[in-house]
Amino acid sequence: MPREKELSPDELGPPWTIRKLLRWTAQYFERKDVTDTPRLDADLLLGDVLEMERVELYARSKETIDDEPRAEFRALLQRRADGEPVAYLIGRKSFWQMEFQTDERALVPRPETEVLVEATLELMPETPGRLVDVGTGTGAVAAAIASERPEWTIVGTDIETETLALAQANLEELEFDDRIELYHGDLLEPVPDDWQPIDVVVSNPPYVPEGDRSAVDIEVRHHEPDDALFAGSDGLAVIERLVPEAFEYLDDDGWLLIEIGHQQGEAALELFDEAGFSETRIRQDYSDRDRVAIGRK
């Protein structure tokens, strides 16, 4: 198929077809320096308004858009230009080939966190076991693991009741609510006594240093929850508490896996070693950056 000719600014005007609207929006996002993925963002937003998948947008690219959906689309464009994440605008985000409801109650699930899921699954046998997802957020990590280990039972904890409500909605929609229980509280404290010891503890905690706040993308800094992002001067405030606590809760030979910042590998391993973990190591992501700290009790 020949490559579609790009439209010049003079050609971007009425009648507004899907093709023209997508091209104009991508150029607008580029001029405003709103996003690193201007065309993808345009596709996702218009697809949400028109209730079309991306492939359908392109198949119907010559169709004209009516005034009402164009007005709805313009409103979303303004919010995106103001830095609001696409996942919040359309209310969902893909993770581990599943769709999760997303809003300001939790961090948007990110592709790099799939490395945490991959590393965890490599250590989990097919036979039944118990796993706790600390700071479950949208429930994405817990659901991803549950989808691959049907014999395991899973608990998710979170300190925010509103976040747990979002996670519960996702688990119900994905039909994991019968296998994943959610508990409100700090770190591992809310895990029931009769549910211990635990075989695996996994967590994507806040780990951004306060001093790095200005370096965080505006859309993240202004719209995603602070307490799920920032953790003290070095970003380790939560991890420092979680590592020794997990050691106490884990069964012998149990595993702890924590997502970390790309400059925190050495410090994380020191915390694991001090707590008594063995076989400690760092799993890197696909950009060869430190991503997951791992240790065995």
C-alpha atoms as a PDB file:
ATOM      1  CA  MET A   1       0.000   0.000   0.000  1.00  0.00           C
ATOM      2  CA  PRO A   2       1.474   3.416  -0.946  1.00  0.00           C
ATOM      3  CA  ARG A   3       2.249   5.756   1.897  1.00  0.00           C
ATOM      4  CA  GLU A   4      -0.470   8.318   2.573  1.00  0.00           C
ATOM      5  CA  LYS A   5       0.513  11.848   1.520  1.00  0.00           C
ATOM      6  CA  GLU A   6       0.848  14.215   4.464  1.00  0.00           C
ATOM      7  CA  LEU A   7      -1.487  17.179   4.402  1.00  0.00           C
ATOM      8  CA  SER A   8      -0.069  20.687   4.354  1.00  0.00           C
ATOM      9  CA  PRO A   9      -1.406  23.357   6.762  1.00  0.00           C
ATOM     10  CA  ASP A  10      -3.370  24.938   3.882  1.00  0.00           C
ATOM     11  CA  GLU A  11      -5.207  21.671   3.308  1.00  0.00           C
ATOM     12  CA  LEU A  12      -6.197  21.310   6.972  1.00  0.00           C
ATOM     13  CA  GLY A  13      -9.650  22.873   7.013  1.00  0.00           C
ATOM     14  CA  PRO A  14     -13.342  22.163   6.406  1.00  0.00           C
ATOM     15  CA  PRO A  15     -14.805  19.780   5.660  1.00  0.00           C
ATOM     16  CA  TRP A  16     -13.243  18.098   8.717  1.00  0.00           C
ATOM     17  CA  THR A  17     -12.659  14.464   7.917  1.00  0.00           C
ATOM     18  CA  ILE A  18     -11.144  12.007  10.390  1.00  0.00           C
ATOM     19  CA  ARG A  19      -7.883  12.176   8.448  1.00  0.00           C
ATOM     20  CA  LYS A  20      -7.702  15.963   8.517  1.00  0.00           C
ATOM     21  CA  LEU A  21      -8.651  16.183  12.178  1.00  0.00           C
ATOM     22  CA  LEU A  22      -5.997  13.689  13.210  1.00  0.00           C
ATOM     23  CA  ARG A  23      -3.324  15.441  11.171  1.00  0.00           C
ATOM     24  CA  TRP A  24      -4.254  18.890  12.500  1.00  0.00           C
ATOM     25  CA  THR A  25      -4.236  17.602  16.081  1.00  0.00           C
ATOM     26  CA  ALA A  26      -0.838  15.952  15.704  1.00  0.00           C
ATOM     27  CA  GLN A  27       0.602  19.188  14.331  1.00  0.00           C
ATOM     28  CA  TYR A  28      -1.024  21.150  17.169  1.00  0.00           C
ATOM     29  CA  PHE A  29       0.499  18.856  19.803  1.00  0.00           C
ATOM     30  CA  GLU A  30       3.891  19.146  18.098  1.00  0.00           C
ATOM     31  CA  ARG A  31       3.760  22.955  18.100  1.00  0.00           C
ATOM     32  CA  LYS A  32       2.718  23.042  21.738  1.00  0.00           C
ATOM     33  CA  ASP A  33       5.300  20.381  22.683  1.00  0.00           C
ATOM     34  CA  VAL A  34       2.556  18.608  24.606  1.00  0.00           C
ATOM     35  CA  THR A  35       3.690  15.029  24.157  1.00  0.00           C
ATOM     36  CA  ASP A  36       6.369  12.790  22.686  1.00  0.00           C
ATOM     37  CA  THR A  37       3.648  10.819  20.865  1.00  0.00           C
ATOM     38  CA  PRO A  38       1.443  13.444  19.174  1.00  0.00           C
ATOM     39  CA  ARG A  39      -0.160  11.180  16.574  1.00  0.00           C
ATOM     40  CA  LEU A  40      -0.834   8.364  19.028  1.00  0.00           C
ATOM     41  CA  ASP A  41      -2.453  10.786  21.475  1.00  0.00           C
ATOM     42  CA  ALA A  42      -4.605  12.216  18.678  1.00  0.00           C
ATOM     43  CA  ASP A  43      -5.679   8.731  17.612  1.00  0.00           C
ATOM     44  CA  LEU A  44      -6.586   7.662  21.140  1.00  0.00           C
ATOM     45  CA  LEU A  45      -8.579  10.801  21.920  1.00  0.00           C
ATOM     46  CA  LEU A  46     -10.544  10.873  18.669  1.00  0.00           C
ATOM     47  CA  GLY A  47     -11.070   7.122  18.852  1.00  0.00           C
ATOM     48  CA  ASP A  48     -12.557   7.565  22.306  1.00  0.00           C
ATOM     49  CA  VAL A  49     -14.950  10.284  21.125  1.00  0.00           C
ATOM     50  CA  LEU A  50     -16.048   8.319  18.053  1.00  0.00           C
ATOM     51  CA  GLU A  51     -15.933   4.937  19.838  1.00  0.00           C
ATOM     52  CA  MET A  52     -13.563   3.547  17.225  1.00  0.00           C
ATOM     53  CA  GLU A  53     -10.368   1.510  17.446  1.00  0.00           C
ATOM     54  CA  ARG A  54      -7.310   2.993  15.738  1.00  0.00           C
ATOM     55  CA  VAL A  55      -7.582   0.635  12.773  1.00  0.00           C
ATOM     56  CA  GLU A  56     -11.176   1.776  12.222  1.00  0.00           C
ATOM     57  CA  LEU A  57     -10.136   5.429  12.267  1.00  0.00           C
ATOM     58  CA  TYR A  58      -7.792   4.789   9.372  1.00  0.00           C
ATOM     59  CA  ALA A  59     -10.271   2.626   7.494  1.00  0.00           C
ATOM     60  CA  ARG A  60     -12.854   5.423   7.733  1.00  0.00           C
ATOM     61  CA  SER A  61     -10.402   8.304   7.407  1.00  0.00           C
ATOM     62  CA  LYS A  62     -12.363  10.114   4.678  1.00  0.00           C
ATOM     63  CA  GLU A  63     -15.572  10.355   6.716  1.00  0.00           C
ATOM     64  CA  THR A  64     -16.649  13.818   7.877  1.00  0.00           C
ATOM     65  CA  ILE A  65     -17.011  14.513  11.617  1.00  0.00           C
ATOM     66  CA  ASP A  66     -20.189  16.234  12.837  1.00  0.00           C
ATOM     67  CA  ASP A  67     -20.150  19.383  14.976  1.00  0.00           C
ATOM     68  CA  GLU A  68     -21.062  17.690  18.275  1.00  0.00           C
ATOM     69  CA  PRO A  69     -18.247  15.107  18.361  1.00  0.00           C
ATOM     70  CA  ARG A  70     -15.821  17.778  17.096  1.00  0.00           C
ATOM     71  CA  ALA A  71     -16.752  19.989  20.039  1.00  0.00           C
ATOM     72  CA  GLU A  72     -16.248  17.075  22.444  1.00  0.00           C
ATOM     73  CA  PHE A  73     -12.897  16.355  20.804  1.00  0.00           C
ATOM     74  CA  ARG A  74     -11.791  20.001  21.094  1.00  0.00           C
ATOM     75  CA  ALA A  75     -12.524  19.936  24.816  1.00  0.00           C
ATOM     76  CA  LEU A  76     -10.304  16.875  25.237  1.00  0.00           C
ATOM     77  CA  LEU A  77      -7.543  18.528  23.195  1.00  0.00           C
ATOM     78  CA  GLN A  78      -7.521  21.523  25.510  1.00  0.00           C
ATOM     79  CA  ARG A  79      -7.281  19.317  28.577  1.00  0.00           C
ATOM     80  CA  ARG A  80      -4.449  17.369  26.957  1.00  0.00           C
ATOM     81  CA  ALA A  81      -2.682  20.622  26.062  1.00  0.00           C
ATOM     82  CA  ASP A  82      -2.975  21.567  29.753  1.00  0.00           C
ATOM     83  CA  GLY A  83      -1.053  18.412  30.622  1.00  0.00           C
ATOM     84  CA  GLU A  84      -3.769  15.972  31.646  1.00  0.00           C
ATOM     85  CA  PRO A  85      -2.679  12.375  30.844  1.00  0.00           C
ATOM     86  CA  VAL A  86      -4.438  10.651  27.954  1.00  0.00           C
ATOM     87  CA  ALA A  87      -5.231   7.708  30.225  1.00  0.00           C
ATOM     88  CA  TYR A  88      -7.224   9.988  32.527  1.00  0.00           C
ATOM     89  CA  LEU A  89      -8.977  11.683  29.604  1.00  0.00           C
ATOM     90  CA  ILE A  90     -10.206   8.428  28.103  1.00  0.00           C
ATOM     91  CA  GLY A  91     -10.486   6.673  31.460  1.00  0.00           C
ATOM     92  CA  ARG A  92      -8.471   3.557  30.655  1.00  0.00           C
ATOM     93  CA  LYS A  93      -4.985   2.232  30.026  1.00  0.00           C
ATOM     94  CA  SER A  94      -3.647  -1.013  28.569  1.00  0.00           C
ATOM     95  CA  PHE A  95      -1.350  -3.132  30.714  1.00  0.00           C
ATOM     96  CA  TRP A  96      -0.357  -6.769  30.200  1.00  0.00           C
ATOM     97  CA  GLN A  97      -2.870  -6.998  27.320  1.00  0.00           C
ATOM     98  CA  MET A  98      -5.743  -5.926  29.579  1.00  0.00           C
ATOM     99  CA  GLU A  99      -7.635  -2.657  29.909  1.00  0.00           C
ATOM    100  CA  PHE A 100      -7.751  -0.896  33.287  1.00  0.00           C
ATOM    101  CA  GLN A 101      -9.947   1.975  34.396  1.00  0.00           C
ATOM    102  CA  THR A 102      -7.753   4.960  35.256  1.00  0.00           C
ATOM    103  CA  ASP A 103      -8.308   8.291  36.960  1.00  0.00           C
ATOM    104  CA  GLU A 104      -6.694  10.623  39.492  1.00  0.00           C
ATOM    105  CA  ARG A 105      -7.046   8.081  42.313  1.00  0.00           C
ATOM    106  CA  ALA A 106      -4.011   6.087  41.157  1.00  0.00           C
ATOM    107  CA  LEU A 107      -0.916   6.220  38.998  1.00  0.00           C
ATOM    108  CA  VAL A 108      -1.357   5.356  35.352  1.00  0.00           C
ATOM    109  CA  PRO A 109      -0.005   1.816  34.743  1.00  0.00           C
ATOM    110  CA  ARG A 110       3.252   2.091  32.835  1.00  0.00           C
ATOM    111  CA  PRO A 111       4.923  -0.269  30.338  1.00  0.00           C
ATOM    112  CA  GLU A 112       8.122  -0.455  32.404  1.00  0.00           C
ATOM    113  CA  THR A 113       6.182  -1.946  35.308  1.00  0.00           C
ATOM    114  CA  GLU A 114       5.583  -5.000  33.142  1.00  0.00           C
ATOM    115  CA  VAL A 115       9.249  -5.808  33.888  1.00  0.00           C
ATOM    116  CA  LEU A 116       8.229  -6.144  37.546  1.00  0.00           C
ATOM    117  CA  VAL A 117       5.487  -8.586  36.523  1.00  0.00           C
ATOM    118  CA  GLU A 118       7.869 -10.571  34.310  1.00  0.00           C
ATOM    119  CA  ALA A 119      10.497 -10.866  37.040  1.00  0.00           C
ATOM    120  CA  THR A 120       7.868 -11.967  39.553  1.00  0.00           C
ATOM    121  CA  LEU A 121       6.397 -14.634  37.297  1.00  0.00           C
ATOM    122  CA  GLU A 122       9.842 -16.116  36.708  1.00  0.00           C
ATOM    123  CA  LEU A 123      10.066 -16.872  40.432  1.00  0.00           C
ATOM    124  CA  MET A 124       6.529 -18.191  40.872  1.00  0.00           C
ATOM    125  CA  PRO A 125       5.891 -21.904  40.304  1.00  0.00           C
ATOM    126  CA  GLU A 126       2.612 -23.089  38.785  1.00  0.00           C
ATOM    127  CA  THR A 127       1.670 -24.736  42.086  1.00  0.00           C
ATOM    128  CA  PRO A 128      -0.511 -22.750  44.535  1.00  0.00           C
ATOM    129  CA  GLY A 129       1.008 -19.981  46.608  1.00  0.00           C
ATOM    130  CA  ARG A 130       0.260 -16.644  48.267  1.00  0.00           C
ATOM    131  CA  LEU A 131       1.306 -13.242  46.910  1.00  0.00           C
ATOM    132  CA  VAL A 132       0.781  -9.730  48.269  1.00  0.00           C
ATOM    133  CA  ASP A 133       0.845  -6.664  46.006  1.00  0.00           C
ATOM    134  CA  VAL A 134       1.728  -3.720  48.255  1.00  0.00           C
ATOM    135  CA  GLY A 135       0.346  -0.384  47.053  1.00  0.00           C
ATOM    136  CA  THR A 136      -1.849  -2.006  44.451  1.00  0.00           C
ATOM    137  CA  GLY A 137      -3.083   1.217  42.805  1.00  0.00           C
ATOM    138  CA  THR A 138      -5.289   0.319  39.848  1.00  0.00           C
ATOM    139  CA  GLY A 139      -4.767  -3.378  40.612  1.00  0.00           C
ATOM    140  CA  ALA A 140      -2.835  -3.806  37.360  1.00  0.00           C
ATOM    141  CA  VAL A 141       0.135  -5.737  38.777  1.00  0.00           C
ATOM    142  CA  ALA A 142      -2.061  -8.050  40.854  1.00  0.00           C
ATOM    143  CA  ALA A 143      -4.380  -8.747  37.913  1.00  0.00           C
ATOM    144  CA  ALA A 144      -1.500  -9.339  35.503  1.00  0.00           C
ATOM    145  CA  ILE A 145       0.042 -11.902  37.844  1.00  0.00           C
ATOM    146  CA  ALA A 146      -3.332 -13.528  38.517  1.00  0.00           C
ATOM    147  CA  SER A 147      -3.882 -13.947  34.781  1.00  0.00           C
ATOM    148  CA  GLU A 148      -0.686 -16.012  34.521  1.00  0.00           C
ATOM    149  CA  ARG A 149      -0.873 -17.975  37.799  1.00  0.00           C
ATOM    150  CA  PRO A 150      -4.474 -19.204  38.225  1.00  0.00           C
ATOM    151  CA  GLU A 151      -3.556 -21.467  41.170  1.00  0.00           C
ATOM    152  CA  TRP A 152      -2.254 -18.591  43.287  1.00  0.00           C
ATOM    153  CA  THR A 153      -4.271 -16.472  45.708  1.00  0.00           C
ATOM    154  CA  ILE A 154      -3.429 -12.788  45.875  1.00  0.00           C
ATOM    155  CA  VAL A 155      -3.938  -9.899  48.276  1.00  0.00           C
ATOM    156  CA  GLY A 156      -3.593  -6.235  47.332  1.00  0.00           C
ATOM    157  CA  THR A 157      -3.103  -3.487  49.909  1.00  0.00           C
ATOM    158  CA  ASP A 158      -3.287   0.275  49.626  1.00  0.00           C
ATOM    159  CA  ILE A 159      -3.276   3.119  52.106  1.00  0.00           C
ATOM    160  CA  GLU A 160      -5.943   5.065  50.194  1.00  0.00           C
ATOM    161  CA  THR A 161      -9.560   3.874  50.356  1.00  0.00           C
ATOM    162  CA  GLU A 162     -10.452   5.689  47.120  1.00  0.00           C
ATOM    163  CA  THR A 163      -7.613   3.936  45.321  1.00  0.00           C
ATOM    164  CA  LEU A 164      -8.837   0.577  46.580  1.00  0.00           C
ATOM    165  CA  ALA A 165     -12.290   1.388  45.185  1.00  0.00           C
ATOM    166  CA  LEU A 166     -10.728   1.907  41.750  1.00  0.00           C
ATOM    167  CA  ALA A 167      -8.777  -1.343  42.044  1.00  0.00           C
ATOM    168  CA  GLN A 168     -11.936  -3.192  43.091  1.00  0.00           C
ATOM    169  CA  ALA A 169     -13.796  -1.872  40.055  1.00  0.00           C
ATOM    170  CA  ASN A 170     -11.015  -3.128  37.800  1.00  0.00           C
ATOM    171  CA  LEU A 171     -10.888  -6.541  39.430  1.00  0.00           C
ATOM    172  CA  GLU A 172     -14.645  -6.943  39.085  1.00  0.00           C
ATOM    173  CA  GLU A 173     -14.601  -5.885  35.447  1.00  0.00           C
ATOM    174  CA  LEU A 174     -11.777  -8.325  34.680  1.00  0.00           C
ATOM    175  CA  GLU A 175     -13.388 -11.053  36.818  1.00  0.00           C
ATOM    176  CA  PHE A 176     -10.487 -11.408  39.229  1.00  0.00           C
ATOM    177  CA  ASP A 177     -12.417 -10.262  42.297  1.00  0.00           C
ATOM    178  CA  ASP A 178     -12.953 -13.880  43.409  1.00  0.00           C
ATOM    179  CA  ARG A 179      -9.177 -14.495  43.532  1.00  0.00           C
ATOM    180  CA  ILE A 180      -7.749 -11.141  44.623  1.00  0.00           C
ATOM    181  CA  GLU A 181      -8.713  -9.671  47.990  1.00  0.00           C
ATOM    182  CA  LEU A 182      -8.092  -6.003  48.769  1.00  0.00           C
ATOM    183  CA  TYR A 183      -7.275  -4.582  52.193  1.00  0.00           C
ATOM    184  CA  HIS A 184      -6.938  -1.000  53.389  1.00  0.00           C
ATOM    185  CA  GLY A 185      -3.829  -0.052  55.310  1.00  0.00           C
ATOM    186  CA  ASP A 186      -0.132   0.738  55.292  1.00  0.00           C
ATOM    187  CA  LEU A 187       2.202  -1.680  53.515  1.00  0.00           C
ATOM    188  CA  LEU A 188       1.728  -5.258  54.863  1.00  0.00           C
ATOM    189  CA  GLU A 189      -0.021  -4.296  58.095  1.00  0.00           C
ATOM    190  CA  PRO A 190      -3.570  -5.034  56.822  1.00  0.00           C
ATOM    191  CA  VAL A 191      -2.758  -8.582  55.647  1.00  0.00           C
ATOM    192  CA  PRO A 192      -4.838 -10.986  57.805  1.00  0.00           C
ATOM    193  CA  ASP A 193      -2.920 -13.063  60.336  1.00  0.00           C
ATOM    194  CA  ASP A 194      -4.348 -16.308  58.980  1.00  0.00           C
ATOM    195  CA  TRP A 195      -3.036 -15.426  55.509  1.00  0.00           C
ATOM    196  CA  GLN A 196       0.591 -15.593  56.599  1.00  0.00           C
ATOM    197  CA  PRO A 197       3.319 -16.550  55.893  1.00  0.00           C
ATOM    198  CA  ILE A 198       3.523 -15.115  52.382  1.00  0.00           C
ATOM    199  CA  ASP A 199       5.381 -16.681  49.481  1.00  0.00           C
ATOM    200  CA  VAL A 200       5.929 -13.529  47.391  1.00  0.00           C
ATOM    201  CA  VAL A 201       5.691  -9.806  48.134  1.00  0.00           C
ATOM    202  CA  VAL A 202       5.690  -7.480  45.145  1.00  0.00           C
ATOM    203  CA  SER A 203       5.406  -3.697  45.086  1.00  0.00           C
ATOM    204  CA  ASN A 204       5.612  -0.649  42.855  1.00  0.00           C
ATOM    205  CA  PRO A 205       5.927   1.940  45.641  1.00  0.00           C
ATOM    206  CA  PRO A 206       6.562   5.679  45.400  1.00  0.00           C
ATOM    207  CA  TYR A 207      10.288   6.139  44.772  1.00  0.00           C
ATOM    208  CA  VAL A 208      10.861   9.578  43.204  1.00  0.00           C
ATOM    209  CA  PRO A 209      13.058  11.876  45.368  1.00  0.00           C
ATOM    210  CA  GLU A 210      11.440  15.167  46.331  1.00  0.00           C
ATOM    211  CA  GLY A 211      14.387  16.986  44.823  1.00  0.00           C
ATOM    212  CA  ASP A 212      13.517  15.533  41.414  1.00  0.00           C
ATOM    213  CA  ARG A 213      10.012  16.990  41.434  1.00  0.00           C
ATOM    214  CA  SER A 214      10.813  19.654  38.834  1.00  0.00           C
ATOM    215  CA  ALA A 215      12.287  17.031  36.498  1.00  0.00           C
ATOM    216  CA  VAL A 216       9.107  14.939  36.459  1.00  0.00           C
ATOM    217  CA  ASP A 217       6.877  15.457  33.421  1.00  0.00           C
ATOM    218  CA  ILE A 218       4.273  18.164  33.970  1.00  0.00           C
ATOM    219  CA  GLU A 219       1.393  15.821  33.197  1.00  0.00           C
ATOM    220  CA  VAL A 220       2.607  13.459  35.914  1.00  0.00           C
ATOM    221  CA  ARG A 221       3.542  16.138  38.452  1.00  0.00           C
ATOM    222  CA  HIS A 222       0.302  18.089  38.124  1.00  0.00           C
ATOM    223  CA  HIS A 223      -2.227  15.296  37.722  1.00  0.00           C
ATOM    224  CA  GLU A 224      -1.091  11.992  39.208  1.00  0.00           C
ATOM    225  CA  PRO A 225      -1.237  11.496  43.009  1.00  0.00           C
ATOM    226  CA  ASP A 226       1.787  12.865  44.873  1.00  0.00           C
ATOM    227  CA  ASP A 227       1.780  10.185  47.545  1.00  0.00           C
ATOM    228  CA  ALA A 228       2.139   7.492  44.880  1.00  0.00           C
ATOM    229  CA  LEU A 229       5.132   9.270  43.311  1.00  0.00           C
ATOM    230  CA  PHE A 230       7.358  10.980  45.859  1.00  0.00           C
ATOM    231  CA  ALA A 231       9.064   9.372  48.841  1.00  0.00           C
ATOM    232  CA  GLY A 232      11.368  11.636  50.818  1.00  0.00           C
ATOM    233  CA  SER A 233      14.639  13.285  49.953  1.00  0.00           C
ATOM    234  CA  ASP A 234      16.194  10.168  48.396  1.00  0.00           C
ATOM    235  CA  GLY A 235      13.018   8.449  47.181  1.00  0.00           C
ATOM    236  CA  LEU A 236      13.592   5.517  49.532  1.00  0.00           C
ATOM    237  CA  ALA A 237      11.332   6.470  52.436  1.00  0.00           C
ATOM    238  CA  VAL A 238       8.725   3.798  51.686  1.00  0.00           C
ATOM    239  CA  ILE A 239      11.183   1.162  50.482  1.00  0.00           C
ATOM    240  CA  GLU A 240      13.209   1.532  53.701  1.00  0.00           C
ATOM    241  CA  ARG A 241      10.123   0.502  55.680  1.00  0.00           C
ATOM    242  CA  LEU A 242       8.859  -2.148  53.285  1.00  0.00           C
ATOM    243  CA  VAL A 243      12.042  -4.227  52.967  1.00  0.00           C
ATOM    244  CA  PRO A 244      12.444  -5.257  56.657  1.00  0.00           C
ATOM    245  CA  GLU A 245       8.680  -5.602  57.083  1.00  0.00           C
ATOM    246  CA  ALA A 246       8.474  -7.951  54.095  1.00  0.00           C
ATOM    247  CA  PHE A 247      11.289 -10.048  55.561  1.00  0.00           C
ATOM    248  CA  GLU A 248       9.167 -10.613  58.673  1.00  0.00           C
ATOM    249  CA  TYR A 249       6.019 -11.528  56.734  1.00  0.00           C
ATOM    250  CA  LEU A 250       7.612 -13.798  54.136  1.00  0.00           C
ATOM    251  CA  ASP A 251       7.872 -17.556  54.468  1.00  0.00           C
ATOM    252  CA  ASP A 252      11.336 -19.103  54.340  1.00  0.00           C
ATOM    253  CA  ASP A 253      12.561 -19.027  50.728  1.00  0.00           C
ATOM    254  CA  GLY A 254       9.969 -16.346  49.936  1.00  0.00           C
ATOM    255  CA  TRP A 255      10.730 -13.561  47.474  1.00  0.00           C
ATOM    256  CA  LEU A 256      10.500  -9.767  47.602  1.00  0.00           C
ATOM    257  CA  LEU A 257      10.436  -7.742  44.373  1.00  0.00           C
ATOM    258  CA  ILE A 258      10.244  -3.934  44.343  1.00  0.00           C
ATOM    259  CA  GLU A 259      10.219  -1.524  41.426  1.00  0.00           C
ATOM    260  CA  ILE A 260      12.860   1.172  41.926  1.00  0.00           C
ATOM    261  CA  GLY A 261      14.226   4.277  40.273  1.00  0.00           C
ATOM    262  CA  HIS A 262      17.019   3.840  37.747  1.00  0.00           C
ATOM    263  CA  GLN A 263      19.625   5.300  40.132  1.00  0.00           C
ATOM    264  CA  GLN A 264      18.523   3.403  43.236  1.00  0.00           C
ATOM    265  CA  GLY A 265      19.869  -0.071  42.527  1.00  0.00           C
ATOM    266  CA  GLU A 266      22.892   0.049  44.822  1.00  0.00           C
ATOM    267  CA  ALA A 267      20.969   1.640  47.703  1.00  0.00           C
ATOM    268  CA  ALA A 268      18.118  -0.853  47.342  1.00  0.00           C
ATOM    269  CA  LEU A 269      20.471  -3.831  47.470  1.00  0.00           C
ATOM    270  CA  GLU A 270      22.047  -2.451  50.646  1.00  0.00           C
ATOM    271  CA  LEU A 271      18.599  -2.337  52.257  1.00  0.00           C
ATOM    272  CA  PHE A 272      17.884  -5.906  51.161  1.00  0.00           C
ATOM    273  CA  ASP A 273      21.221  -7.126  52.530  1.00  0.00           C
ATOM    274  CA  GLU A 274      20.751  -5.306  55.847  1.00  0.00           C
ATOM    275  CA  ALA A 275      17.323  -6.906  56.288  1.00  0.00           C
ATOM    276  CA  GLY A 276      18.777 -10.394  55.802  1.00  0.00           C
ATOM    277  CA  PHE A 277      17.794 -11.202  52.229  1.00  0.00           C
ATOM    278  CA  SER A 278      19.971 -13.456  50.085  1.00  0.00           C
ATOM    279  CA  GLU A 279      20.316 -13.913  46.327  1.00  0.00           C
ATOM    280  CA  THR A 280      19.827 -10.146  45.967  1.00  0.00           C
ATOM    281  CA  ARG A 281      20.053  -8.673  42.498  1.00  0.00           C
ATOM    282  CA  ILE A 282      18.756  -5.948  40.200  1.00  0.00           C
ATOM    283  CA  ARG A 283      16.615  -6.622  37.145  1.00  0.00           C
ATOM    284  CA  GLN A 284      17.046  -4.046  34.405  1.00  0.00           C
ATOM    285  CA  ASP A 285      14.369  -2.869  32.016  1.00  0.00           C
ATOM    286  CA  TYR A 286      14.523  -2.866  28.229  1.00  0.00           C
ATOM    287  CA  SER A 287      16.457   0.407  28.264  1.00  0.00           C
ATOM    288  CA  ASP A 288      19.157  -1.238  30.415  1.00  0.00           C
ATOM    289  CA  ARG A 289      18.205   0.818  33.456  1.00  0.00           C
ATOM    290  CA  ASP A 290      17.811  -0.522  36.977  1.00  0.00           C
ATOM    291  CA  ARG A 291      14.114  -1.340  37.430  1.00  0.00           C
ATOM    292  CA  VAL A 292      13.465  -4.115  39.972  1.00  0.00           C
ATOM    293  CA  ALA A 293      15.247  -5.032  43.212  1.00  0.00           C
ATOM    294  CA  ILE A 294      14.943  -8.729  44.098  1.00  0.00           C
ATOM    295  CA  GLY A 295      15.781 -10.707  47.221  1.00  0.00           C
ATOM    296  CA  ARG A 296      15.055 -14.104  48.776  1.00  0.00           C
ATOM    297  CA  LYS A 297      14.450 -14.767  52.457  1.00  0.00           C
END
